[in-house]
Amino acid sequence: MERQNNNTLISNYSTQSSPASKLSRIGFRLALTAAFLGGLAVSGLSSYANAQAQSMNQAAIEHPNWAQIPGELIRPDCVHEIPKGARVEIGKDGNLTGDVTLNGELIAHYDACPEKAIVTHQGALAQGVAQAQQEETGNGVVEDDQWTASLGSGDNIDYMAGNWTVPSYPSEDGNQLIYLSNGIEPSSHKWLLQAALQYGYNGTFGGNYYSISTWLTSSSAAYYSSPDYVNPGDSLSGYTQMTGISGSTTYWDVLIVDNSSGANSEGSYWVSGQHWTAAYAGILQAYNLNACAEFPASGRAIFSDSVVYHGFPNFYELSPNWKGAIPGYGGPTCHFAVVAASGTLDF
């Protein structure tokens, strides 16, 4: 199926009642495949996942004042909020340019971080489905629903969207930090674009409440759009859309919106030299987590109506073969399971 790219999906959000109306306006439809992976409650822990969990726990101990953003443990001075309407430019081959422009004028410039961030998002890098058994502090990706597209070098995933609901608050509050998000990643794994729901303080913003924001993250810098508050039970939609391309530079708008309250957060990001092939219908990350009761009490997140397109400037519908992964985050073993076909993450 082909859809002409009219660039109205995100830019016209303010004139439409909800993301659902945007989807119907341009004719997108549900494109989930029927690949069913059942409940992946895998016992045992792979040596790779075990090493990842231990290294992430050690990294958190060694850098107690660093910010734990989605997928990266990074110095807080390397995490930058981008004003509404501004754009972030990333240079050739993923190297940092750090220019932030608003209405065509340079308003800020950020150099690369003097220390490399520590990657805590191992979803597309670790396809194993083993889960951690040791009772230690959890730091990393708990589980996700992912797919890697087979696309030529000149073709990218150019649109990813889906819906989920803000879960209930955790039964117990400690220092936990939880993210539920969707998004895309290039084959180099250098960057990650995502629309994220957050519970807890990440070293930059947040607390014992839910907030939404969008992110462009890497080992050299991280950018996020201004966060907004949301409440348990609210319906969320997250969108990542290519809005333009010039040579090897792709232009992206990322939006997360609360369909119940109208709260939203939007970021515009320019990235060069990357081949965007990995899609995530849903990702659960947990940090500083020591007990199952520190997860949201509802125990489940369902990422529904997930769609993926390619072929900019046209949108050609893809049929993802979603796969569940439980890489091993190093924390307590709870009710982890992924039903990939329905985008269900149990915790």
Protein backbone atom coordinates (compact mmCIF):
# COMPACT_ATOMS: atom_id res chain seq x y z
CA MET A 1 0.00 0.00 0.00
CA GLU A 2 1.26 3.47 -0.87
CA ARG A 3 0.42 6.78 0.77
CA GLN A 4 1.63 10.12 -0.59
CA ASN A 5 3.64 12.02 2.03
CA ASN A 6 1.74 15.24 2.62
CA ASN A 7 3.69 16.12 5.80
CA THR A 8 0.47 16.77 7.73
CA LEU A 9 0.78 14.01 10.27
CA ILE A 10 2.58 15.97 12.99
CA SER A 11 2.70 19.56 11.71
CA ASN A 12 -1.10 19.81 11.67
CA TYR A 13 -1.63 18.17 15.05
CA SER A 14 -2.83 21.41 16.63
CA THR A 15 -5.72 21.61 14.17
CA GLN A 16 -6.92 18.06 14.72
CA SER A 17 -8.77 16.55 17.62
CA SER A 18 -6.47 13.58 18.24
CA PRO A 19 -3.72 11.43 16.70
CA ALA A 20 -6.43 8.92 15.82
CA SER A 21 -8.02 11.51 13.55
CA LYS A 22 -4.62 12.11 11.92
CA LEU A 23 -4.28 8.43 11.20
CA SER A 24 -7.69 8.19 9.61
CA ARG A 25 -7.12 11.36 7.61
CA ILE A 26 -4.18 9.97 5.67
CA GLY A 27 -5.55 6.46 5.47
CA PHE A 28 -3.15 4.53 7.67
CA ARG A 29 -4.41 1.19 8.86
CA LEU A 30 -3.24 -1.44 11.26
CA ALA A 31 -0.35 -3.45 9.82
CA LEU A 32 0.56 -5.93 12.52
CA THR A 33 1.40 -9.40 11.36
CA ALA A 34 -0.04 -12.46 13.01
CA ALA A 35 3.34 -13.74 14.13
CA PHE A 36 2.70 -15.01 17.60
CA LEU A 37 5.47 -15.58 20.08
CA GLY A 38 3.35 -16.49 23.09
CA GLY A 39 4.53 -15.61 26.56
CA LEU A 40 8.28 -15.53 26.52
CA ALA A 41 8.84 -16.46 30.16
CA VAL A 42 12.25 -17.91 29.48
CA SER A 43 14.12 -19.37 32.38
CA GLY A 44 17.89 -19.17 32.58
CA LEU A 45 20.21 -16.34 31.65
CA SER A 46 22.52 -16.18 28.66
CA SER A 47 26.16 -15.32 29.31
CA TYR A 48 25.75 -12.21 27.15
CA ALA A 49 22.73 -10.96 29.06
CA ASN A 50 24.39 -11.73 32.38
CA ALA A 51 27.49 -9.75 31.41
CA GLN A 52 25.33 -6.86 30.18
CA ALA A 53 23.33 -6.76 33.41
CA GLN A 54 26.43 -6.84 35.60
CA SER A 55 28.22 -4.15 33.59
CA MET A 56 25.21 -1.85 33.69
CA ASN A 57 24.81 -2.27 37.43
CA GLN A 58 28.51 -1.53 37.91
CA ALA A 59 28.30 1.50 35.63
CA ALA A 60 25.41 2.92 37.68
CA ILE A 61 27.45 2.49 40.86
CA GLU A 62 30.52 4.13 39.35
CA HIS A 63 28.57 7.13 37.98
CA PRO A 64 26.05 8.00 40.72
CA ASN A 65 25.46 11.56 39.48
CA TRP A 66 24.98 10.77 35.82
CA ALA A 67 21.58 11.05 34.14
CA GLN A 68 19.78 7.84 33.20
CA ILE A 69 17.94 8.83 30.06
CA PRO A 70 16.22 6.26 27.80
CA GLY A 71 18.97 3.96 26.59
CA GLU A 72 21.96 5.89 27.93
CA LEU A 73 23.72 6.62 31.22
CA ILE A 74 25.27 10.01 30.51
CA ARG A 75 26.68 13.12 32.13
CA PRO A 76 23.77 15.48 32.91
CA ASP A 77 25.54 18.42 31.27
CA CYS A 78 25.39 16.48 28.01
CA VAL A 79 21.58 16.24 28.09
CA HIS A 80 19.91 19.18 26.38
CA GLU A 81 16.29 20.35 26.33
CA ILE A 82 15.24 21.64 22.93
CA PRO A 83 12.71 24.52 22.84
CA LYS A 84 9.42 23.93 21.12
CA GLY A 85 9.77 24.50 17.38
CA ALA A 86 13.58 24.25 17.41
CA ARG A 87 15.58 21.67 15.49
CA VAL A 88 18.70 19.72 16.38
CA GLU A 89 21.28 19.00 13.67
CA ILE A 90 23.55 15.96 13.84
CA GLY A 91 26.45 15.91 11.39
CA LYS A 92 27.88 13.51 8.84
CA ASP A 93 28.10 9.84 9.76
CA GLY A 94 26.41 10.45 13.09
CA ASN A 95 29.16 12.69 14.43
CA LEU A 96 27.90 15.55 16.52
CA THR A 97 27.28 18.96 14.96
CA GLY A 98 25.26 20.17 17.92
CA ASP A 99 23.61 23.14 16.22
CA VAL A 100 20.12 24.04 17.43
CA THR A 101 18.13 26.34 15.15
CA LEU A 102 14.80 28.10 15.54
CA ASN A 103 13.08 29.70 12.56
CA GLY A 104 16.28 29.26 10.58
CA GLU A 105 18.50 31.02 13.13
CA LEU A 106 21.18 29.41 15.30
CA ILE A 107 20.10 29.65 18.95
CA ALA A 108 22.49 27.18 20.60
CA HIS A 109 25.46 24.96 19.93
CA TYR A 110 26.49 21.95 22.00
CA ASP A 111 29.83 20.21 21.71
CA ALA A 112 30.14 16.46 22.01
CA CYS A 113 30.15 15.11 25.53
CA PRO A 114 33.71 14.98 26.97
CA GLU A 115 32.99 11.47 28.25
CA LYS A 116 31.15 8.80 26.29
CA ALA A 117 27.78 7.72 27.55
CA ILE A 118 27.20 4.13 28.62
CA VAL A 119 24.65 2.33 26.44
CA THR A 120 21.86 0.77 28.48
CA HIS A 121 19.53 0.04 25.55
CA GLN A 122 20.51 -3.38 24.23
CA GLY A 123 17.29 -4.26 22.42
CA ALA A 124 18.42 -4.50 18.77
CA LEU A 125 21.91 -5.50 19.83
CA ALA A 126 20.80 -8.52 21.87
CA GLN A 127 18.23 -10.72 20.20
CA GLY A 128 18.32 -13.31 22.99
CA VAL A 129 15.20 -13.84 25.08
CA ALA A 130 16.80 -14.89 28.35
CA GLN A 131 15.79 -13.07 31.51
CA ALA A 132 17.74 -12.28 34.65
CA GLN A 133 17.33 -14.52 37.67
CA GLN A 134 19.57 -12.82 40.22
CA GLU A 135 17.96 -10.51 42.77
CA GLU A 136 20.01 -7.37 42.12
CA THR A 137 19.26 -3.80 41.13
CA GLY A 138 17.71 -3.64 37.67
CA ASN A 139 19.30 -1.29 35.14
CA GLY A 140 18.46 -1.65 31.47
CA VAL A 141 15.93 -2.94 28.97
CA VAL A 142 13.54 -5.34 30.67
CA GLU A 143 11.73 -6.40 27.49
CA ASP A 144 10.73 -5.10 24.09
CA ASP A 145 8.78 -5.85 20.93
CA GLN A 146 11.08 -5.23 17.96
CA TRP A 147 11.62 -5.77 14.25
CA THR A 148 14.48 -5.09 11.84
CA ALA A 149 13.47 -4.31 8.25
CA SER A 150 15.44 -5.54 5.24
CA LEU A 151 15.80 -2.27 3.33
CA GLY A 152 18.27 -1.10 0.71
CA SER A 153 20.91 1.47 1.59
CA GLY A 154 18.86 4.31 0.13
CA ASP A 155 15.65 3.32 1.90
CA ASN A 156 14.70 3.87 5.53
CA ILE A 157 11.85 3.30 7.91
CA ASP A 158 10.22 6.70 7.54
CA TYR A 159 7.20 6.37 9.81
CA MET A 160 6.49 4.53 13.06
CA ALA A 161 3.40 4.98 15.22
CA GLY A 162 1.44 3.22 17.94
CA ASN A 163 -0.75 3.61 20.99
CA TRP A 164 -0.50 2.62 24.65
CA THR A 165 -2.03 3.52 28.00
CA VAL A 166 -0.39 5.14 31.01
CA PRO A 167 -0.26 2.32 33.58
CA SER A 168 -1.16 2.61 37.25
CA TYR A 169 1.38 3.91 39.75
CA PRO A 170 3.78 1.41 41.32
CA SER A 171 2.67 -0.17 44.59
CA GLU A 172 5.99 0.85 46.14
CA ASP A 173 8.12 3.92 45.52
CA GLY A 174 11.88 3.67 45.81
CA ASN A 175 14.32 5.37 43.48
CA GLN A 176 13.03 3.52 40.43
CA LEU A 177 13.01 5.02 36.97
CA ILE A 178 10.78 3.44 34.32
CA TYR A 179 10.35 4.17 30.62
CA LEU A 180 7.69 2.83 28.23
CA SER A 181 8.35 3.96 24.68
CA ASN A 182 8.26 3.27 20.97
CA GLY A 183 10.63 4.43 18.25
CA ILE A 184 13.27 3.60 15.64
CA GLU A 185 17.00 2.97 15.46
CA PRO A 186 19.61 2.93 12.64
CA SER A 187 21.64 -0.14 11.74
CA SER A 188 24.73 1.49 13.27
CA HIS A 189 22.97 1.63 16.67
CA LYS A 190 24.55 5.08 17.14
CA TRP A 191 21.28 6.91 17.70
CA LEU A 192 17.80 6.19 18.99
CA LEU A 193 14.64 8.22 18.24
CA GLN A 194 11.76 7.56 20.58
CA ALA A 195 8.55 8.85 22.10
CA ALA A 196 8.70 8.00 25.79
CA LEU A 197 6.54 7.80 28.89
CA GLN A 198 8.58 8.22 32.07
CA TYR A 199 8.04 7.49 35.77
CA GLY A 200 10.70 8.67 38.22
CA TYR A 201 13.62 11.10 38.21
CA ASN A 202 16.23 10.60 35.46
CA GLY A 203 18.87 13.03 36.72
CA THR A 204 17.48 15.87 34.61
CA PHE A 205 13.73 15.93 35.23
CA GLY A 206 10.88 13.82 36.60
CA GLY A 207 9.72 12.44 39.94
CA ASN A 208 7.09 10.12 41.40
CA TYR A 209 4.68 10.92 38.60
CA TYR A 210 4.31 10.24 34.86
CA SER A 211 5.58 12.55 32.14
CA ILE A 212 6.03 12.36 28.37
CA SER A 213 8.82 13.59 26.11
CA THR A 214 10.63 12.73 22.88
CA TRP A 215 14.32 11.83 22.63
CA LEU A 216 17.29 11.65 20.29
CA THR A 217 20.04 9.84 22.19
CA SER A 218 23.59 8.67 21.50
CA SER A 219 26.88 8.06 23.27
CA SER A 220 28.02 11.62 22.49
CA ALA A 221 24.93 13.68 23.38
CA ALA A 222 21.21 13.54 24.10
CA TYR A 223 18.36 15.86 23.26
CA TYR A 224 14.78 15.90 24.50
CA SER A 225 11.65 17.93 23.94
CA SER A 226 9.96 19.77 26.81
CA PRO A 227 8.14 17.21 28.99
CA ASP A 228 4.47 17.34 29.96
CA TYR A 229 2.45 15.66 32.72
CA VAL A 230 0.10 12.70 32.17
CA ASN A 231 -2.00 10.52 34.45
CA PRO A 232 -2.67 6.78 34.88
CA GLY A 233 -5.34 5.54 32.51
CA ASP A 234 -4.66 8.20 29.88
CA SER A 235 -4.39 7.07 26.26
CA LEU A 236 -1.06 7.87 24.57
CA SER A 237 0.06 7.89 20.94
CA GLY A 238 3.68 8.06 19.85
CA TYR A 239 4.79 9.02 16.33
CA THR A 240 8.16 9.19 14.57
CA GLN A 241 7.95 10.59 11.04
CA MET A 242 10.49 11.54 8.40
CA THR A 243 9.58 15.00 7.11
CA GLY A 244 12.37 15.57 4.62
CA ILE A 245 15.63 14.28 3.19
CA SER A 246 18.66 16.05 1.70
CA GLY A 247 21.55 13.86 0.60
CA SER A 248 22.31 11.61 3.57
CA THR A 249 20.49 13.90 6.03
CA THR A 250 17.04 12.84 7.20
CA TYR A 251 14.66 15.22 8.98
CA TRP A 252 12.41 13.84 11.71
CA ASP A 253 9.50 14.96 13.81
CA VAL A 254 8.77 12.91 16.92
CA LEU A 255 5.53 13.46 18.82
CA ILE A 256 3.95 11.90 21.88
CA VAL A 257 0.46 13.04 22.81
CA ASP A 258 -2.03 12.29 25.55
CA ASN A 259 -5.34 11.70 23.77
CA SER A 260 -7.21 12.09 27.07
CA SER A 261 -5.86 15.46 28.24
CA GLY A 262 -4.22 16.96 25.16
CA ALA A 263 -0.80 17.09 26.82
CA ASN A 264 1.98 16.58 24.28
CA SER A 265 5.68 16.85 23.60
CA GLU A 266 7.29 17.22 20.18
CA GLY A 267 10.87 17.33 18.90
CA SER A 268 12.43 17.94 15.49
CA TYR A 269 15.75 16.25 14.77
CA TRP A 270 18.11 16.21 11.76
CA VAL A 271 20.47 13.24 11.50
CA SER A 272 23.00 12.48 8.76
CA GLY A 273 24.66 9.31 7.59
CA GLN A 274 22.34 6.78 9.23
CA HIS A 275 20.31 3.89 7.82
CA TRP A 276 17.11 3.56 9.87
CA THR A 277 16.04 -0.09 9.85
CA ALA A 278 14.97 -1.10 13.39
CA ALA A 279 11.47 -0.43 14.76
CA TYR A 280 10.26 -0.88 18.33
CA ALA A 281 6.53 -1.25 18.88
CA GLY A 282 7.20 -1.09 22.61
CA ILE A 283 10.16 -0.94 24.99
CA LEU A 284 10.15 -1.30 28.79
CA GLN A 285 13.25 -0.02 30.57
CA ALA A 286 13.78 -0.01 34.34
CA TYR A 287 16.58 1.51 36.42
CA ASN A 288 17.35 1.52 40.16
CA LEU A 289 14.65 -1.09 40.59
CA ASN A 290 14.94 -3.54 43.51
CA ALA A 291 11.49 -5.15 43.84
CA CYS A 292 8.66 -6.26 41.57
CA ALA A 293 6.31 -3.93 43.46
CA GLU A 294 8.30 -1.01 42.06
CA PHE A 295 6.93 -1.75 38.57
CA PRO A 296 3.52 -0.21 37.73
CA ALA A 297 0.90 -2.14 39.70
CA SER A 298 -1.19 -2.86 36.58
CA GLY A 299 1.56 -5.26 35.51
CA ARG A 300 1.06 -4.88 31.76
CA ALA A 301 1.53 -2.47 28.87
CA ILE A 302 -0.14 -3.07 25.50
CA PHE A 303 1.27 -1.24 22.47
CA SER A 304 -1.56 -1.37 19.94
CA ASP A 305 -2.16 -0.21 16.36
CA SER A 306 1.58 -0.20 15.63
CA VAL A 307 2.36 0.70 12.01
CA VAL A 308 5.63 1.02 10.08
CA TYR A 309 6.16 2.61 6.65
CA HIS A 310 9.09 3.26 4.29
CA GLY A 311 9.84 4.79 0.87
CA PHE A 312 9.92 8.55 1.53
CA PRO A 313 8.56 10.76 -0.05
CA ASN A 314 5.83 8.15 -0.34
CA PHE A 315 4.68 5.93 2.52
CA TYR A 316 4.73 2.24 1.64
CA GLU A 317 3.26 0.00 4.26
CA LEU A 318 5.51 -2.68 5.76
CA SER A 319 4.37 -5.87 7.49
CA PRO A 320 6.63 -6.29 10.52
CA ASN A 321 7.32 -9.72 11.94
CA TRP A 322 7.48 -8.45 15.51
CA LYS A 323 9.71 -10.40 17.88
CA GLY A 324 9.76 -10.26 21.65
CA ALA A 325 13.02 -9.98 23.59
CA ILE A 326 13.77 -10.17 27.31
CA PRO A 327 17.50 -9.43 27.34
CA GLY A 328 18.18 -9.53 31.09
CA TYR A 329 18.22 -6.23 32.99
CA GLY A 330 19.92 -7.51 36.16
CA GLY A 331 17.02 -6.99 38.58
CA PRO A 332 14.30 -9.04 40.26
CA THR A 333 12.55 -11.63 38.11
CA CYS A 334 8.89 -10.67 37.92
CA HIS A 335 6.06 -11.71 35.57
CA PHE A 336 8.00 -10.93 32.41
CA ALA A 337 6.47 -12.04 29.13
CA VAL A 338 6.13 -10.65 25.61
CA VAL A 339 3.28 -11.47 23.25
CA ALA A 340 4.81 -9.96 20.14
CA ALA A 341 1.79 -10.06 17.81
CA SER A 342 -0.35 -8.00 20.19
CA GLY A 343 2.43 -5.76 21.50
CA THR A 344 1.85 -6.95 25.07
CA LEU A 345 4.61 -6.53 27.65
CA ASP A 346 3.93 -8.16 31.02
CA PHE A 347 5.89 -7.22 34.12
